[in-house]
Every structure is written in structure tokens, then in C-alpha cells.
PDBML (XML) file of the C-alpha atoms, coordinates in Angstrom:
<?xml version="1.0" encoding="UTF-8" ?>
<PDBx:datablock datablockName="MODEL"
   xmlns:PDBx="http://pdbml.pdb.org/schema/pdbx-v50.xsd"
   xmlns:xsi="http://www.w3.org/2001/XMLSchema-instance"
   xsi:schemaLocation="http://pdbml.pdb.org/schema/pdbx-v50.xsd pdbx-v50.xsd">
   <PDBx:atom_siteCategory>
      <PDBx:atom_site id="1">
         <PDBx:B_iso_or_equiv>0.00</PDBx:B_iso_or_equiv>
         <PDBx:Cartn_x>101.051</PDBx:Cartn_x>
         <PDBx:Cartn_y>246.643</PDBx:Cartn_y>
         <PDBx:Cartn_z>215.947</PDBx:Cartn_z>
         <PDBx:auth_asym_id>A</PDBx:auth_asym_id>
         <PDBx:auth_atom_id>CA</PDBx:auth_atom_id>
         <PDBx:auth_comp_id>GLU</PDBx:auth_comp_id>
         <PDBx:auth_seq_id>1</PDBx:auth_seq_id>
         <PDBx:group_PDB>ATOM</PDBx:group_PDB>
         <PDBx:label_alt_id xsi:nil="true" />
         <PDBx:label_asym_id>A</PDBx:label_asym_id>
         <PDBx:label_atom_id>CA</PDBx:label_atom_id>
         <PDBx:label_comp_id>GLU</PDBx:label_comp_id>
         <PDBx:label_entity_id>1</PDBx:label_entity_id>
         <PDBx:label_seq_id>1</PDBx:label_seq_id>
         <PDBx:occupancy>1.00</PDBx:occupancy>
         <PDBx:pdbx_PDB_model_num>1</PDBx:pdbx_PDB_model_num>
         <PDBx:type_symbol>C</PDBx:type_symbol>
      </PDBx:atom_site>
      <PDBx:atom_site id="2">
         <PDBx:B_iso_or_equiv>0.00</PDBx:B_iso_or_equiv>
         <PDBx:Cartn_x>97.612</PDBx:Cartn_x>
         <PDBx:Cartn_y>247.239</PDBx:Cartn_y>
         <PDBx:Cartn_z>217.484</PDBx:Cartn_z>
         <PDBx:auth_asym_id>A</PDBx:auth_asym_id>
         <PDBx:auth_atom_id>CA</PDBx:auth_atom_id>
         <PDBx:auth_comp_id>ASN</PDBx:auth_comp_id>
         <PDBx:auth_seq_id>2</PDBx:auth_seq_id>
         <PDBx:group_PDB>ATOM</PDBx:group_PDB>
         <PDBx:label_alt_id xsi:nil="true" />
         <PDBx:label_asym_id>A</PDBx:label_asym_id>
         <PDBx:label_atom_id>CA</PDBx:label_atom_id>
         <PDBx:label_comp_id>ASN</PDBx:label_comp_id>
         <PDBx:label_entity_id>1</PDBx:label_entity_id>
         <PDBx:label_seq_id>2</PDBx:label_seq_id>
         <PDBx:occupancy>1.00</PDBx:occupancy>
         <PDBx:pdbx_PDB_model_num>1</PDBx:pdbx_PDB_model_num>
         <PDBx:type_symbol>C</PDBx:type_symbol>
      </PDBx:atom_site>
      <PDBx:atom_site id="3">
         <PDBx:B_iso_or_equiv>0.00</PDBx:B_iso_or_equiv>
         <PDBx:Cartn_x>95.695</PDBx:Cartn_x>
         <PDBx:Cartn_y>245.486</PDBx:Cartn_y>
         <PDBx:Cartn_z>214.674</PDBx:Cartn_z>
         <PDBx:auth_asym_id>A</PDBx:auth_asym_id>
         <PDBx:auth_atom_id>CA</PDBx:auth_atom_id>
         <PDBx:auth_comp_id>LEU</PDBx:auth_comp_id>
         <PDBx:auth_seq_id>3</PDBx:auth_seq_id>
         <PDBx:group_PDB>ATOM</PDBx:group_PDB>
         <PDBx:label_alt_id xsi:nil="true" />
         <PDBx:label_asym_id>A</PDBx:label_asym_id>
         <PDBx:label_atom_id>CA</PDBx:label_atom_id>
         <PDBx:label_comp_id>LEU</PDBx:label_comp_id>
         <PDBx:label_entity_id>1</PDBx:label_entity_id>
         <PDBx:label_seq_id>3</PDBx:label_seq_id>
         <PDBx:occupancy>1.00</PDBx:occupancy>
         <PDBx:pdbx_PDB_model_num>1</PDBx:pdbx_PDB_model_num>
         <PDBx:type_symbol>C</PDBx:type_symbol>
      </PDBx:atom_site>
      <PDBx:atom_site id="4">
         <PDBx:B_iso_or_equiv>0.00</PDBx:B_iso_or_equiv>
         <PDBx:Cartn_x>94.807</PDBx:Cartn_x>
         <PDBx:Cartn_y>241.793</PDBx:Cartn_y>
         <PDBx:Cartn_z>214.569</PDBx:Cartn_z>
         <PDBx:auth_asym_id>A</PDBx:auth_asym_id>
         <PDBx:auth_atom_id>CA</PDBx:auth_atom_id>
         <PDBx:auth_comp_id>ALA</PDBx:auth_comp_id>
         <PDBx:auth_seq_id>4</PDBx:auth_seq_id>
         <PDBx:group_PDB>ATOM</PDBx:group_PDB>
         <PDBx:label_alt_id xsi:nil="true" />
         <PDBx:label_asym_id>A</PDBx:label_asym_id>
         <PDBx:label_atom_id>CA</PDBx:label_atom_id>
         <PDBx:label_comp_id>ALA</PDBx:label_comp_id>
         <PDBx:label_entity_id>1</PDBx:label_entity_id>
         <PDBx:label_seq_id>4</PDBx:label_seq_id>
         <PDBx:occupancy>1.00</PDBx:occupancy>
         <PDBx:pdbx_PDB_model_num>1</PDBx:pdbx_PDB_model_num>
         <PDBx:type_symbol>C</PDBx:type_symbol>
      </PDBx:atom_site>
      <PDBx:atom_site id="5">
         <PDBx:B_iso_or_equiv>0.00</PDBx:B_iso_or_equiv>
         <PDBx:Cartn_x>92.153</PDBx:Cartn_x>
         <PDBx:Cartn_y>239.495</PDBx:Cartn_y>
         <PDBx:Cartn_z>213.096</PDBx:Cartn_z>
         <PDBx:auth_asym_id>A</PDBx:auth_asym_id>
         <PDBx:auth_atom_id>CA</PDBx:auth_atom_id>
         <PDBx:auth_comp_id>ILE</PDBx:auth_comp_id>
         <PDBx:auth_seq_id>5</PDBx:auth_seq_id>
         <PDBx:group_PDB>ATOM</PDBx:group_PDB>
         <PDBx:label_alt_id xsi:nil="true" />
         <PDBx:label_asym_id>A</PDBx:label_asym_id>
         <PDBx:label_atom_id>CA</PDBx:label_atom_id>
         <PDBx:label_comp_id>ILE</PDBx:label_comp_id>
         <PDBx:label_entity_id>1</PDBx:label_entity_id>
         <PDBx:label_seq_id>5</PDBx:label_seq_id>
         <PDBx:occupancy>1.00</PDBx:occupancy>
         <PDBx:pdbx_PDB_model_num>1</PDBx:pdbx_PDB_model_num>
         <PDBx:type_symbol>C</PDBx:type_symbol>
      </PDBx:atom_site>
      <PDBx:atom_site id="6">
         <PDBx:B_iso_or_equiv>0.00</PDBx:B_iso_or_equiv>
         <PDBx:Cartn_x>89.704</PDBx:Cartn_x>
         <PDBx:Cartn_y>237.122</PDBx:Cartn_y>
         <PDBx:Cartn_z>214.744</PDBx:Cartn_z>
         <PDBx:auth_asym_id>A</PDBx:auth_asym_id>
         <PDBx:auth_atom_id>CA</PDBx:auth_atom_id>
         <PDBx:auth_comp_id>CYS</PDBx:auth_comp_id>
         <PDBx:auth_seq_id>6</PDBx:auth_seq_id>
         <PDBx:group_PDB>ATOM</PDBx:group_PDB>
         <PDBx:label_alt_id xsi:nil="true" />
         <PDBx:label_asym_id>A</PDBx:label_asym_id>
         <PDBx:label_atom_id>CA</PDBx:label_atom_id>
         <PDBx:label_comp_id>CYS</PDBx:label_comp_id>
         <PDBx:label_entity_id>1</PDBx:label_entity_id>
         <PDBx:label_seq_id>6</PDBx:label_seq_id>
         <PDBx:occupancy>1.00</PDBx:occupancy>
         <PDBx:pdbx_PDB_model_num>1</PDBx:pdbx_PDB_model_num>
         <PDBx:type_symbol>C</PDBx:type_symbol>
      </PDBx:atom_site>
      <PDBx:atom_site id="7">
         <PDBx:B_iso_or_equiv>0.00</PDBx:B_iso_or_equiv>
         <PDBx:Cartn_x>86.244</PDBx:Cartn_x>
         <PDBx:Cartn_y>235.679</PDBx:Cartn_y>
         <PDBx:Cartn_z>214.281</PDBx:Cartn_z>
         <PDBx:auth_asym_id>A</PDBx:auth_asym_id>
         <PDBx:auth_atom_id>CA</PDBx:auth_atom_id>
         <PDBx:auth_comp_id>ARG</PDBx:auth_comp_id>
         <PDBx:auth_seq_id>7</PDBx:auth_seq_id>
         <PDBx:group_PDB>ATOM</PDBx:group_PDB>
         <PDBx:label_alt_id xsi:nil="true" />
         <PDBx:label_asym_id>A</PDBx:label_asym_id>
         <PDBx:label_atom_id>CA</PDBx:label_atom_id>
         <PDBx:label_comp_id>ARG</PDBx:label_comp_id>
         <PDBx:label_entity_id>1</PDBx:label_entity_id>
         <PDBx:label_seq_id>7</PDBx:label_seq_id>
         <PDBx:occupancy>1.00</PDBx:occupancy>
         <PDBx:pdbx_PDB_model_num>1</PDBx:pdbx_PDB_model_num>
         <PDBx:type_symbol>C</PDBx:type_symbol>
      </PDBx:atom_site>
      <PDBx:atom_site id="8">
         <PDBx:B_iso_or_equiv>0.00</PDBx:B_iso_or_equiv>
         <PDBx:Cartn_x>83.469</PDBx:Cartn_x>
         <PDBx:Cartn_y>237.978</PDBx:Cartn_y>
         <PDBx:Cartn_z>215.462</PDBx:Cartn_z>
         <PDBx:auth_asym_id>A</PDBx:auth_asym_id>
         <PDBx:auth_atom_id>CA</PDBx:auth_atom_id>
         <PDBx:auth_comp_id>ARG</PDBx:auth_comp_id>
         <PDBx:auth_seq_id>8</PDBx:auth_seq_id>
         <PDBx:group_PDB>ATOM</PDBx:group_PDB>
         <PDBx:label_alt_id xsi:nil="true" />
         <PDBx:label_asym_id>A</PDBx:label_asym_id>
         <PDBx:label_atom_id>CA</PDBx:label_atom_id>
         <PDBx:label_comp_id>ARG</PDBx:label_comp_id>
         <PDBx:label_entity_id>1</PDBx:label_entity_id>
         <PDBx:label_seq_id>8</PDBx:label_seq_id>
         <PDBx:occupancy>1.00</PDBx:occupancy>
         <PDBx:pdbx_PDB_model_num>1</PDBx:pdbx_PDB_model_num>
         <PDBx:type_symbol>C</PDBx:type_symbol>
      </PDBx:atom_site>
      <PDBx:atom_site id="9">
         <PDBx:B_iso_or_equiv>0.00</PDBx:B_iso_or_equiv>
         <PDBx:Cartn_x>82.244</PDBx:Cartn_x>
         <PDBx:Cartn_y>235.425</PDBx:Cartn_y>
         <PDBx:Cartn_z>217.992</PDBx:Cartn_z>
         <PDBx:auth_asym_id>A</PDBx:auth_asym_id>
         <PDBx:auth_atom_id>CA</PDBx:auth_atom_id>
         <PDBx:auth_comp_id>LYS</PDBx:auth_comp_id>
         <PDBx:auth_seq_id>9</PDBx:auth_seq_id>
         <PDBx:group_PDB>ATOM</PDBx:group_PDB>
         <PDBx:label_alt_id xsi:nil="true" />
         <PDBx:label_asym_id>A</PDBx:label_asym_id>
         <PDBx:label_atom_id>CA</PDBx:label_atom_id>
         <PDBx:label_comp_id>LYS</PDBx:label_comp_id>
         <PDBx:label_entity_id>1</PDBx:label_entity_id>
         <PDBx:label_seq_id>9</PDBx:label_seq_id>
         <PDBx:occupancy>1.00</PDBx:occupancy>
         <PDBx:pdbx_PDB_model_num>1</PDBx:pdbx_PDB_model_num>
         <PDBx:type_symbol>C</PDBx:type_symbol>
      </PDBx:atom_site>
      <PDBx:atom_site id="10">
         <PDBx:B_iso_or_equiv>0.00</PDBx:B_iso_or_equiv>
         <PDBx:Cartn_x>85.509</PDBx:Cartn_x>
         <PDBx:Cartn_y>235.573</PDBx:Cartn_y>
         <PDBx:Cartn_z>219.983</PDBx:Cartn_z>
         <PDBx:auth_asym_id>A</PDBx:auth_asym_id>
         <PDBx:auth_atom_id>CA</PDBx:auth_atom_id>
         <PDBx:auth_comp_id>GLY</PDBx:auth_comp_id>
         <PDBx:auth_seq_id>10</PDBx:auth_seq_id>
         <PDBx:group_PDB>ATOM</PDBx:group_PDB>
         <PDBx:label_alt_id xsi:nil="true" />
         <PDBx:label_asym_id>A</PDBx:label_asym_id>
         <PDBx:label_atom_id>CA</PDBx:label_atom_id>
         <PDBx:label_comp_id>GLY</PDBx:label_comp_id>
         <PDBx:label_entity_id>1</PDBx:label_entity_id>
         <PDBx:label_seq_id>10</PDBx:label_seq_id>
         <PDBx:occupancy>1.00</PDBx:occupancy>
         <PDBx:pdbx_PDB_model_num>1</PDBx:pdbx_PDB_model_num>
         <PDBx:type_symbol>C</PDBx:type_symbol>
      </PDBx:atom_site>
      <PDBx:atom_site id="11">
         <PDBx:B_iso_or_equiv>0.00</PDBx:B_iso_or_equiv>
         <PDBx:Cartn_x>85.940</PDBx:Cartn_x>
         <PDBx:Cartn_y>239.352</PDBx:Cartn_y>
         <PDBx:Cartn_z>219.853</PDBx:Cartn_z>
         <PDBx:auth_asym_id>A</PDBx:auth_asym_id>
         <PDBx:auth_atom_id>CA</PDBx:auth_atom_id>
         <PDBx:auth_comp_id>LEU</PDBx:auth_comp_id>
         <PDBx:auth_seq_id>11</PDBx:auth_seq_id>
         <PDBx:group_PDB>ATOM</PDBx:group_PDB>
         <PDBx:label_alt_id xsi:nil="true" />
         <PDBx:label_asym_id>A</PDBx:label_asym_id>
         <PDBx:label_atom_id>CA</PDBx:label_atom_id>
         <PDBx:label_comp_id>LEU</PDBx:label_comp_id>
         <PDBx:label_entity_id>1</PDBx:label_entity_id>
         <PDBx:label_seq_id>11</PDBx:label_seq_id>
         <PDBx:occupancy>1.00</PDBx:occupancy>
         <PDBx:pdbx_PDB_model_num>1</PDBx:pdbx_PDB_model_num>
         <PDBx:type_symbol>C</PDBx:type_symbol>
      </PDBx:atom_site>
      <PDBx:atom_site id="12">
         <PDBx:B_iso_or_equiv>0.00</PDBx:B_iso_or_equiv>
         <PDBx:Cartn_x>84.778</PDBx:Cartn_x>
         <PDBx:Cartn_y>239.947</PDBx:Cartn_y>
         <PDBx:Cartn_z>223.441</PDBx:Cartn_z>
         <PDBx:auth_asym_id>A</PDBx:auth_asym_id>
         <PDBx:auth_atom_id>CA</PDBx:auth_atom_id>
         <PDBx:auth_comp_id>LEU</PDBx:auth_comp_id>
         <PDBx:auth_seq_id>12</PDBx:auth_seq_id>
         <PDBx:group_PDB>ATOM</PDBx:group_PDB>
         <PDBx:label_alt_id xsi:nil="true" />
         <PDBx:label_asym_id>A</PDBx:label_asym_id>
         <PDBx:label_atom_id>CA</PDBx:label_atom_id>
         <PDBx:label_comp_id>LEU</PDBx:label_comp_id>
         <PDBx:label_entity_id>1</PDBx:label_entity_id>
         <PDBx:label_seq_id>12</PDBx:label_seq_id>
         <PDBx:occupancy>1.00</PDBx:occupancy>
         <PDBx:pdbx_PDB_model_num>1</PDBx:pdbx_PDB_model_num>
         <PDBx:type_symbol>C</PDBx:type_symbol>
      </PDBx:atom_site>
      <PDBx:atom_site id="13">
         <PDBx:B_iso_or_equiv>0.00</PDBx:B_iso_or_equiv>
         <PDBx:Cartn_x>86.438</PDBx:Cartn_x>
         <PDBx:Cartn_y>236.976</PDBx:Cartn_y>
         <PDBx:Cartn_z>225.120</PDBx:Cartn_z>
         <PDBx:auth_asym_id>A</PDBx:auth_asym_id>
         <PDBx:auth_atom_id>CA</PDBx:auth_atom_id>
         <PDBx:auth_comp_id>SER</PDBx:auth_comp_id>
         <PDBx:auth_seq_id>13</PDBx:auth_seq_id>
         <PDBx:group_PDB>ATOM</PDBx:group_PDB>
         <PDBx:label_alt_id xsi:nil="true" />
         <PDBx:label_asym_id>A</PDBx:label_asym_id>
         <PDBx:label_atom_id>CA</PDBx:label_atom_id>
         <PDBx:label_comp_id>SER</PDBx:label_comp_id>
         <PDBx:label_entity_id>1</PDBx:label_entity_id>
         <PDBx:label_seq_id>13</PDBx:label_seq_id>
         <PDBx:occupancy>1.00</PDBx:occupancy>
         <PDBx:pdbx_PDB_model_num>1</PDBx:pdbx_PDB_model_num>
         <PDBx:type_symbol>C</PDBx:type_symbol>
      </PDBx:atom_site>
      <PDBx:atom_site id="14">
         <PDBx:B_iso_or_equiv>0.00</PDBx:B_iso_or_equiv>
         <PDBx:Cartn_x>87.610</PDBx:Cartn_x>
         <PDBx:Cartn_y>237.518</PDBx:Cartn_y>
         <PDBx:Cartn_z>228.697</PDBx:Cartn_z>
         <PDBx:auth_asym_id>A</PDBx:auth_asym_id>
         <PDBx:auth_atom_id>CA</PDBx:auth_atom_id>
         <PDBx:auth_comp_id>THR</PDBx:auth_comp_id>
         <PDBx:auth_seq_id>14</PDBx:auth_seq_id>
         <PDBx:group_PDB>ATOM</PDBx:group_PDB>
         <PDBx:label_alt_id xsi:nil="true" />
         <PDBx:label_asym_id>A</PDBx:label_asym_id>
         <PDBx:label_atom_id>CA</PDBx:label_atom_id>
         <PDBx:label_comp_id>THR</PDBx:label_comp_id>
         <PDBx:label_entity_id>1</PDBx:label_entity_id>
         <PDBx:label_seq_id>14</PDBx:label_seq_id>
         <PDBx:occupancy>1.00</PDBx:occupancy>
         <PDBx:pdbx_PDB_model_num>1</PDBx:pdbx_PDB_model_num>
         <PDBx:type_symbol>C</PDBx:type_symbol>
      </PDBx:atom_site>
      <PDBx:atom_site id="15">
         <PDBx:B_iso_or_equiv>0.00</PDBx:B_iso_or_equiv>
         <PDBx:Cartn_x>91.273</PDBx:Cartn_x>
         <PDBx:Cartn_y>236.982</PDBx:Cartn_y>
         <PDBx:Cartn_z>227.741</PDBx:Cartn_z>
         <PDBx:auth_asym_id>A</PDBx:auth_asym_id>
         <PDBx:auth_atom_id>CA</PDBx:auth_atom_id>
         <PDBx:auth_comp_id>GLU</PDBx:auth_comp_id>
         <PDBx:auth_seq_id>15</PDBx:auth_seq_id>
         <PDBx:group_PDB>ATOM</PDBx:group_PDB>
         <PDBx:label_alt_id xsi:nil="true" />
         <PDBx:label_asym_id>A</PDBx:label_asym_id>
         <PDBx:label_atom_id>CA</PDBx:label_atom_id>
         <PDBx:label_comp_id>GLU</PDBx:label_comp_id>
         <PDBx:label_entity_id>1</PDBx:label_entity_id>
         <PDBx:label_seq_id>15</PDBx:label_seq_id>
         <PDBx:occupancy>1.00</PDBx:occupancy>
         <PDBx:pdbx_PDB_model_num>1</PDBx:pdbx_PDB_model_num>
         <PDBx:type_symbol>C</PDBx:type_symbol>
      </PDBx:atom_site>
      <PDBx:atom_site id="16">
         <PDBx:B_iso_or_equiv>0.00</PDBx:B_iso_or_equiv>
         <PDBx:Cartn_x>91.150</PDBx:Cartn_x>
         <PDBx:Cartn_y>239.661</PDBx:Cartn_y>
         <PDBx:Cartn_z>225.047</PDBx:Cartn_z>
         <PDBx:auth_asym_id>A</PDBx:auth_asym_id>
         <PDBx:auth_atom_id>CA</PDBx:auth_atom_id>
         <PDBx:auth_comp_id>ARG</PDBx:auth_comp_id>
         <PDBx:auth_seq_id>16</PDBx:auth_seq_id>
         <PDBx:group_PDB>ATOM</PDBx:group_PDB>
         <PDBx:label_alt_id xsi:nil="true" />
         <PDBx:label_asym_id>A</PDBx:label_asym_id>
         <PDBx:label_atom_id>CA</PDBx:label_atom_id>
         <PDBx:label_comp_id>ARG</PDBx:label_comp_id>
         <PDBx:label_entity_id>1</PDBx:label_entity_id>
         <PDBx:label_seq_id>16</PDBx:label_seq_id>
         <PDBx:occupancy>1.00</PDBx:occupancy>
         <PDBx:pdbx_PDB_model_num>1</PDBx:pdbx_PDB_model_num>
         <PDBx:type_symbol>C</PDBx:type_symbol>
      </PDBx:atom_site>
      <PDBx:atom_site id="17">
         <PDBx:B_iso_or_equiv>0.00</PDBx:B_iso_or_equiv>
         <PDBx:Cartn_x>89.372</PDBx:Cartn_x>
         <PDBx:Cartn_y>242.101</PDBx:Cartn_y>
         <PDBx:Cartn_z>227.357</PDBx:Cartn_z>
         <PDBx:auth_asym_id>A</PDBx:auth_asym_id>
         <PDBx:auth_atom_id>CA</PDBx:auth_atom_id>
         <PDBx:auth_comp_id>LEU</PDBx:auth_comp_id>
         <PDBx:auth_seq_id>17</PDBx:auth_seq_id>
         <PDBx:group_PDB>ATOM</PDBx:group_PDB>
         <PDBx:label_alt_id xsi:nil="true" />
         <PDBx:label_asym_id>A</PDBx:label_asym_id>
         <PDBx:label_atom_id>CA</PDBx:label_atom_id>
         <PDBx:label_comp_id>LEU</PDBx:label_comp_id>
         <PDBx:label_entity_id>1</PDBx:label_entity_id>
         <PDBx:label_seq_id>17</PDBx:label_seq_id>
         <PDBx:occupancy>1.00</PDBx:occupancy>
         <PDBx:pdbx_PDB_model_num>1</PDBx:pdbx_PDB_model_num>
         <PDBx:type_symbol>C</PDBx:type_symbol>
      </PDBx:atom_site>
      <PDBx:atom_site id="18">
         <PDBx:B_iso_or_equiv>0.00</PDBx:B_iso_or_equiv>
         <PDBx:Cartn_x>91.967</PDBx:Cartn_x>
         <PDBx:Cartn_y>241.619</PDBx:Cartn_y>
         <PDBx:Cartn_z>230.113</PDBx:Cartn_z>
         <PDBx:auth_asym_id>A</PDBx:auth_asym_id>
         <PDBx:auth_atom_id>CA</PDBx:auth_atom_id>
         <PDBx:auth_comp_id>LYS</PDBx:auth_comp_id>
         <PDBx:auth_seq_id>18</PDBx:auth_seq_id>
         <PDBx:group_PDB>ATOM</PDBx:group_PDB>
         <PDBx:label_alt_id xsi:nil="true" />
         <PDBx:label_asym_id>A</PDBx:label_asym_id>
         <PDBx:label_atom_id>CA</PDBx:label_atom_id>
         <PDBx:label_comp_id>LYS</PDBx:label_comp_id>
         <PDBx:label_entity_id>1</PDBx:label_entity_id>
         <PDBx:label_seq_id>18</PDBx:label_seq_id>
         <PDBx:occupancy>1.00</PDBx:occupancy>
         <PDBx:pdbx_PDB_model_num>1</PDBx:pdbx_PDB_model_num>
         <PDBx:type_symbol>C</PDBx:type_symbol>
      </PDBx:atom_site>
      <PDBx:atom_site id="19">
         <PDBx:B_iso_or_equiv>0.00</PDBx:B_iso_or_equiv>
         <PDBx:Cartn_x>94.850</PDBx:Cartn_x>
         <PDBx:Cartn_y>242.020</PDBx:Cartn_y>
         <PDBx:Cartn_z>227.646</PDBx:Cartn_z>
         <PDBx:auth_asym_id>A</PDBx:auth_asym_id>
         <PDBx:auth_atom_id>CA</PDBx:auth_atom_id>
         <PDBx:auth_comp_id>LYS</PDBx:auth_comp_id>
         <PDBx:auth_seq_id>19</PDBx:auth_seq_id>
         <PDBx:group_PDB>ATOM</PDBx:group_PDB>
         <PDBx:label_alt_id xsi:nil="true" />
         <PDBx:label_asym_id>A</PDBx:label_asym_id>
         <PDBx:label_atom_id>CA</PDBx:label_atom_id>
         <PDBx:label_comp_id>LYS</PDBx:label_comp_id>
         <PDBx:label_entity_id>1</PDBx:label_entity_id>
         <PDBx:label_seq_id>19</PDBx:label_seq_id>
         <PDBx:occupancy>1.00</PDBx:occupancy>
         <PDBx:pdbx_PDB_model_num>1</PDBx:pdbx_PDB_model_num>
         <PDBx:type_symbol>C</PDBx:type_symbol>
      </PDBx:atom_site>
      <PDBx:atom_site id="20">
         <PDBx:B_iso_or_equiv>0.00</PDBx:B_iso_or_equiv>
         <PDBx:Cartn_x>93.318</PDBx:Cartn_x>
         <PDBx:Cartn_y>245.222</PDBx:Cartn_y>
         <PDBx:Cartn_z>226.281</PDBx:Cartn_z>
         <PDBx:auth_asym_id>A</PDBx:auth_asym_id>
         <PDBx:auth_atom_id>CA</PDBx:auth_atom_id>
         <PDBx:auth_comp_id>ALA</PDBx:auth_comp_id>
         <PDBx:auth_seq_id>20</PDBx:auth_seq_id>
         <PDBx:group_PDB>ATOM</PDBx:group_PDB>
         <PDBx:label_alt_id xsi:nil="true" />
         <PDBx:label_asym_id>A</PDBx:label_asym_id>
         <PDBx:label_atom_id>CA</PDBx:label_atom_id>
         <PDBx:label_comp_id>ALA</PDBx:label_comp_id>
         <PDBx:label_entity_id>1</PDBx:label_entity_id>
         <PDBx:label_seq_id>20</PDBx:label_seq_id>
         <PDBx:occupancy>1.00</PDBx:occupancy>
         <PDBx:pdbx_PDB_model_num>1</PDBx:pdbx_PDB_model_num>
         <PDBx:type_symbol>C</PDBx:type_symbol>
      </PDBx:atom_site>
      <PDBx:atom_site id="21">
         <PDBx:B_iso_or_equiv>0.00</PDBx:B_iso_or_equiv>
         <PDBx:Cartn_x>92.857</PDBx:Cartn_x>
         <PDBx:Cartn_y>246.614</PDBx:Cartn_y>
         <PDBx:Cartn_z>229.787</PDBx:Cartn_z>
         <PDBx:auth_asym_id>A</PDBx:auth_asym_id>
         <PDBx:auth_atom_id>CA</PDBx:auth_atom_id>
         <PDBx:auth_comp_id>LEU</PDBx:auth_comp_id>
         <PDBx:auth_seq_id>21</PDBx:auth_seq_id>
         <PDBx:group_PDB>ATOM</PDBx:group_PDB>
         <PDBx:label_alt_id xsi:nil="true" />
         <PDBx:label_asym_id>A</PDBx:label_asym_id>
         <PDBx:label_atom_id>CA</PDBx:label_atom_id>
         <PDBx:label_comp_id>LEU</PDBx:label_comp_id>
         <PDBx:label_entity_id>1</PDBx:label_entity_id>
         <PDBx:label_seq_id>21</PDBx:label_seq_id>
         <PDBx:occupancy>1.00</PDBx:occupancy>
         <PDBx:pdbx_PDB_model_num>1</PDBx:pdbx_PDB_model_num>
         <PDBx:type_symbol>C</PDBx:type_symbol>
      </PDBx:atom_site>
      <PDBx:atom_site id="22">
         <PDBx:B_iso_or_equiv>0.00</PDBx:B_iso_or_equiv>
         <PDBx:Cartn_x>96.552</PDBx:Cartn_x>
         <PDBx:Cartn_y>246.042</PDBx:Cartn_y>
         <PDBx:Cartn_z>230.614</PDBx:Cartn_z>
         <PDBx:auth_asym_id>A</PDBx:auth_asym_id>
         <PDBx:auth_atom_id>CA</PDBx:auth_atom_id>
         <PDBx:auth_comp_id>LEU</PDBx:auth_comp_id>
         <PDBx:auth_seq_id>22</PDBx:auth_seq_id>
         <PDBx:group_PDB>ATOM</PDBx:group_PDB>
         <PDBx:label_alt_id xsi:nil="true" />
         <PDBx:label_asym_id>A</PDBx:label_asym_id>
         <PDBx:label_atom_id>CA</PDBx:label_atom_id>
         <PDBx:label_comp_id>LEU</PDBx:label_comp_id>
         <PDBx:label_entity_id>1</PDBx:label_entity_id>
         <PDBx:label_seq_id>22</PDBx:label_seq_id>
         <PDBx:occupancy>1.00</PDBx:occupancy>
         <PDBx:pdbx_PDB_model_num>1</PDBx:pdbx_PDB_model_num>
         <PDBx:type_symbol>C</PDBx:type_symbol>
      </PDBx:atom_site>
      <PDBx:atom_site id="23">
         <PDBx:B_iso_or_equiv>0.00</PDBx:B_iso_or_equiv>
         <PDBx:Cartn_x>97.619</PDBx:Cartn_x>
         <PDBx:Cartn_y>247.733</PDBx:Cartn_y>
         <PDBx:Cartn_z>227.365</PDBx:Cartn_z>
         <PDBx:auth_asym_id>A</PDBx:auth_asym_id>
         <PDBx:auth_atom_id>CA</PDBx:auth_atom_id>
         <PDBx:auth_comp_id>LEU</PDBx:auth_comp_id>
         <PDBx:auth_seq_id>23</PDBx:auth_seq_id>
         <PDBx:group_PDB>ATOM</PDBx:group_PDB>
         <PDBx:label_alt_id xsi:nil="true" />
         <PDBx:label_asym_id>A</PDBx:label_asym_id>
         <PDBx:label_atom_id>CA</PDBx:label_atom_id>
         <PDBx:label_comp_id>LEU</PDBx:label_comp_id>
         <PDBx:label_entity_id>1</PDBx:label_entity_id>
         <PDBx:label_seq_id>23</PDBx:label_seq_id>
         <PDBx:occupancy>1.00</PDBx:occupancy>
         <PDBx:pdbx_PDB_model_num>1</PDBx:pdbx_PDB_model_num>
         <PDBx:type_symbol>C</PDBx:type_symbol>
      </PDBx:atom_site>
      <PDBx:atom_site id="24">
         <PDBx:B_iso_or_equiv>0.00</PDBx:B_iso_or_equiv>
         <PDBx:Cartn_x>95.432</PDBx:Cartn_x>
         <PDBx:Cartn_y>250.760</PDBx:Cartn_y>
         <PDBx:Cartn_z>228.138</PDBx:Cartn_z>
         <PDBx:auth_asym_id>A</PDBx:auth_asym_id>
         <PDBx:auth_atom_id>CA</PDBx:auth_atom_id>
         <PDBx:auth_comp_id>LEU</PDBx:auth_comp_id>
         <PDBx:auth_seq_id>24</PDBx:auth_seq_id>
         <PDBx:group_PDB>ATOM</PDBx:group_PDB>
         <PDBx:label_alt_id xsi:nil="true" />
         <PDBx:label_asym_id>A</PDBx:label_asym_id>
         <PDBx:label_atom_id>CA</PDBx:label_atom_id>
         <PDBx:label_comp_id>LEU</PDBx:label_comp_id>
         <PDBx:label_entity_id>1</PDBx:label_entity_id>
         <PDBx:label_seq_id>24</PDBx:label_seq_id>
         <PDBx:occupancy>1.00</PDBx:occupancy>
         <PDBx:pdbx_PDB_model_num>1</PDBx:pdbx_PDB_model_num>
         <PDBx:type_symbol>C</PDBx:type_symbol>
      </PDBx:atom_site>
      <PDBx:atom_site id="25">
         <PDBx:B_iso_or_equiv>0.00</PDBx:B_iso_or_equiv>
         <PDBx:Cartn_x>96.909</PDBx:Cartn_x>
         <PDBx:Cartn_y>251.033</PDBx:Cartn_y>
         <PDBx:Cartn_z>231.635</PDBx:Cartn_z>
         <PDBx:auth_asym_id>A</PDBx:auth_asym_id>
         <PDBx:auth_atom_id>CA</PDBx:auth_atom_id>
         <PDBx:auth_comp_id>ILE</PDBx:auth_comp_id>
         <PDBx:auth_seq_id>25</PDBx:auth_seq_id>
         <PDBx:group_PDB>ATOM</PDBx:group_PDB>
         <PDBx:label_alt_id xsi:nil="true" />
         <PDBx:label_asym_id>A</PDBx:label_asym_id>
         <PDBx:label_atom_id>CA</PDBx:label_atom_id>
         <PDBx:label_comp_id>ILE</PDBx:label_comp_id>
         <PDBx:label_entity_id>1</PDBx:label_entity_id>
         <PDBx:label_seq_id>25</PDBx:label_seq_id>
         <PDBx:occupancy>1.00</PDBx:occupancy>
         <PDBx:pdbx_PDB_model_num>1</PDBx:pdbx_PDB_model_num>
         <PDBx:type_symbol>C</PDBx:type_symbol>
      </PDBx:atom_site>
   </PDBx:atom_siteCategory>
</PDBx:datablock>
């Protein structure tokens, strides 16, 4: 459930970073 695919260019987008931070919390 924690795996997904994307293009390398969009890996560090702000939306993905914020979503990851909430999941870690």
C-alpha cells in the first residue's frame, strides 16, 4: 500500500512531500 509509480521529475513535488510527512506523523 506504500508503493506507487511516478516520473522521476515529479518525485519531490510539494504535494507528495506534504502527504508523506502526514503519513509519517
